[in-house]
Amino acid sequence: MAGPGTPATALLVKRGITHRTHPYRVAPDAPNYGALVAAALDVAPERVFKSLVTDVDGALTVAVVPVSGELDLKALAAAVGGKRAALADRTVAERATGYVRGGISPLGQRRRLPTVLDDSALDLPTIYVSAGRRGLQLELSAADLVALTDARTAPLQAR
């Protein structure tokens, strides 16, 4: 692994979860960041997932969706039994997770937030999520991500 570990990688090591780390170089302010990360890793964008911190009826919730799609906020709200969902303010998201935008991992967050994983992940042998810092992705099974985050799965992509 390039560079120091993160809370996400430390959690995986502590729990003995099979995973791989993948460093990459993409400018953090580049448009279409997720697609560029997938290209840099030479993997299909459907396998690279972004972690979006949202506010569902006043409660922070993490939505994990492929970078190739858009989050359907109504579907997310329905998945957690809520009425309204919106993307959380960047500062709020960073403070709650302990990570910076572009490096928010669904794992090892400062405050463990409810998590919903797009159900498309279940059809893939492994998925890629942020390792907790820009420039580093984790590859692991969707089942391990669900187990570690106690995530729900649901269709979350705008159709």
Protein backbone atom coordinates (compact mmCIF):
# COMPACT_ATOMS: atom_id res chain seq x y z
CA MET A 1 0.00 0.00 0.00
CA ALA A 2 1.28 3.44 -0.86
CA GLY A 3 1.38 5.91 2.01
CA PRO A 4 0.08 5.54 5.55
CA GLY A 5 -2.98 3.50 6.42
CA THR A 6 -6.39 4.98 7.14
CA PRO A 7 -9.11 4.11 9.64
CA ALA A 8 -10.80 2.14 6.82
CA THR A 9 -7.72 0.04 6.05
CA ALA A 10 -7.02 -0.44 9.76
CA LEU A 11 -10.55 -1.79 10.26
CA LEU A 12 -10.12 -4.29 7.42
CA VAL A 13 -6.79 -5.50 8.76
CA LYS A 14 -8.13 -5.75 12.32
CA ARG A 15 -11.10 -7.82 11.17
CA GLY A 16 -9.01 -9.99 8.84
CA ILE A 17 -11.08 -9.02 5.79
CA THR A 18 -9.63 -9.90 2.39
CA HIS A 19 -9.04 -6.69 0.44
CA ARG A 20 -6.62 -4.94 -1.88
CA THR A 21 -5.59 -1.30 -1.99
CA HIS A 22 -5.21 0.55 -5.26
CA PRO A 23 -3.45 3.93 -5.43
CA TYR A 24 -4.36 6.31 -8.25
CA ARG A 25 -3.73 9.88 -9.36
CA VAL A 26 -6.65 12.14 -10.22
CA ALA A 27 -6.93 15.86 -9.47
CA PRO A 28 -9.43 16.23 -6.58
CA ASP A 29 -11.28 19.06 -8.32
CA ALA A 30 -11.51 17.31 -11.70
CA PRO A 31 -15.00 17.16 -13.21
CA ASN A 32 -16.45 13.64 -13.31
CA TYR A 33 -13.98 12.55 -10.62
CA GLY A 34 -15.44 9.05 -10.17
CA ALA A 35 -15.19 8.16 -13.86
CA LEU A 36 -11.60 9.38 -13.88
CA VAL A 37 -10.80 7.20 -10.87
CA ALA A 38 -12.29 4.17 -12.65
CA ALA A 39 -10.22 4.97 -15.76
CA ALA A 40 -7.05 5.43 -13.67
CA LEU A 41 -7.65 2.01 -12.08
CA ASP A 42 -8.58 0.48 -15.44
CA VAL A 43 -11.85 -0.94 -14.09
CA ALA A 44 -15.46 -0.57 -15.22
CA PRO A 45 -17.14 2.47 -13.64
CA GLU A 46 -19.96 0.19 -12.45
CA ARG A 47 -17.46 -1.42 -10.03
CA VAL A 48 -16.25 1.86 -8.49
CA PHE A 49 -18.60 3.20 -5.82
CA LYS A 50 -18.84 6.66 -4.30
CA SER A 51 -19.88 7.28 -0.72
CA LEU A 52 -22.34 10.16 -0.45
CA VAL A 53 -23.27 11.53 2.95
CA THR A 54 -26.91 12.52 2.94
CA ASP A 55 -29.49 13.93 5.30
CA VAL A 56 -32.64 11.81 5.50
CA ASP A 57 -35.30 13.48 7.63
CA GLY A 58 -32.59 15.07 9.80
CA ALA A 59 -30.41 11.95 10.17
CA LEU A 60 -27.10 11.53 8.38
CA THR A 61 -27.01 8.45 6.15
CA VAL A 62 -24.36 7.17 3.73
CA ALA A 63 -25.44 6.14 0.24
CA VAL A 64 -22.91 3.99 -1.64
CA VAL A 65 -23.59 4.06 -5.40
CA PRO A 66 -21.62 3.38 -8.58
CA VAL A 67 -19.76 6.38 -9.98
CA SER A 68 -21.43 5.57 -13.31
CA GLY A 69 -24.86 6.50 -11.95
CA GLU A 70 -26.72 9.17 -10.03
CA LEU A 71 -28.19 8.77 -6.57
CA ASP A 72 -32.01 8.73 -6.50
CA LEU A 73 -32.71 10.64 -3.29
CA LYS A 74 -36.33 9.47 -3.16
CA ALA A 75 -35.20 5.84 -3.42
CA LEU A 76 -32.68 6.40 -0.61
CA ALA A 77 -35.32 7.95 1.64
CA ALA A 78 -37.66 5.03 0.95
CA ALA A 79 -34.88 2.51 1.66
CA VAL A 80 -34.47 3.83 5.20
CA GLY A 81 -38.15 4.53 5.86
CA GLY A 82 -37.79 8.29 5.45
CA LYS A 83 -39.68 10.91 3.51
CA ARG A 84 -37.04 13.35 2.26
CA ALA A 85 -33.37 13.06 1.48
CA ALA A 86 -30.78 15.61 0.39
CA LEU A 87 -27.02 15.64 0.09
CA ALA A 88 -25.45 16.73 3.37
CA ASP A 89 -23.40 19.88 3.58
CA ARG A 90 -19.74 19.17 2.82
CA THR A 91 -18.53 20.44 6.20
CA VAL A 92 -21.11 18.34 8.04
CA ALA A 93 -20.14 15.24 6.03
CA GLU A 94 -16.44 15.74 6.67
CA ARG A 95 -16.94 16.38 10.38
CA ALA A 96 -19.18 13.32 10.85
CA THR A 97 -16.97 10.90 8.92
CA GLY A 98 -13.51 12.24 9.70
CA TYR A 99 -12.68 12.14 5.99
CA VAL A 100 -12.42 14.83 3.30
CA ARG A 101 -14.64 15.03 0.21
CA GLY A 102 -13.24 12.80 -2.50
CA GLY A 103 -11.90 10.48 0.19
CA ILE A 104 -14.97 9.61 2.25
CA SER A 105 -15.01 5.89 2.91
CA PRO A 106 -18.03 3.93 4.08
CA LEU A 107 -15.61 2.18 6.48
CA GLY A 108 -13.85 3.47 9.58
CA GLN A 109 -15.87 6.65 9.95
CA ARG A 110 -15.46 8.83 13.01
CA ARG A 111 -19.16 8.37 13.72
CA ARG A 112 -20.66 5.19 12.27
CA LEU A 113 -23.52 6.29 10.07
CA PRO A 114 -26.38 4.18 8.72
CA THR A 115 -25.35 2.94 5.27
CA VAL A 116 -27.28 1.87 2.19
CA LEU A 117 -25.44 0.11 -0.64
CA ASP A 118 -26.86 0.09 -4.16
CA ASP A 119 -27.99 -3.46 -4.85
CA SER A 120 -26.04 -3.58 -8.13
CA ALA A 121 -22.95 -4.26 -5.99
CA LEU A 122 -24.30 -7.70 -5.10
CA ASP A 123 -23.85 -8.88 -8.70
CA LEU A 124 -20.13 -8.05 -8.77
CA PRO A 125 -17.24 -10.25 -7.56
CA THR A 126 -15.61 -7.22 -5.88
CA ILE A 127 -16.26 -3.50 -5.67
CA TYR A 128 -14.04 -0.47 -5.16
CA VAL A 129 -14.69 2.17 -2.49
CA SER A 130 -12.60 4.96 -1.09
CA ALA A 131 -9.95 3.85 1.38
CA GLY A 132 -10.40 7.05 3.35
CA ARG A 133 -8.12 9.41 1.49
CA ARG A 134 -7.90 10.81 -1.98
CA GLY A 135 -5.71 8.71 -4.21
CA LEU A 136 -6.45 5.34 -2.63
CA GLN A 137 -9.26 2.86 -3.29
CA LEU A 138 -10.14 -0.39 -1.53
CA GLU A 139 -11.26 -3.48 -3.38
CA LEU A 140 -13.39 -5.89 -1.38
CA SER A 141 -16.52 -7.99 -1.68
CA ALA A 142 -19.89 -6.29 -1.38
CA ALA A 143 -20.83 -8.89 1.24
CA ASP A 144 -17.88 -7.84 3.42
CA LEU A 145 -18.82 -4.16 3.04
CA VAL A 146 -22.41 -4.93 4.05
CA ALA A 147 -21.24 -6.93 7.07
CA LEU A 148 -18.75 -4.29 8.25
CA THR A 149 -21.15 -1.35 7.91
CA ASP A 150 -24.37 -3.23 8.75
CA ALA A 151 -25.62 -1.77 5.47
CA ARG A 152 -28.97 -2.24 3.86
CA THR A 153 -29.06 -2.91 0.14
CA ALA A 154 -31.57 -1.29 -2.17
CA PRO A 155 -31.83 0.06 -5.70
CA LEU A 156 -30.48 3.61 -5.30
CA GLN A 157 -29.62 4.69 -8.83
CA ALA A 158 -31.80 7.13 -10.71
CA ARG A 159 -33.35 5.22 -13.58
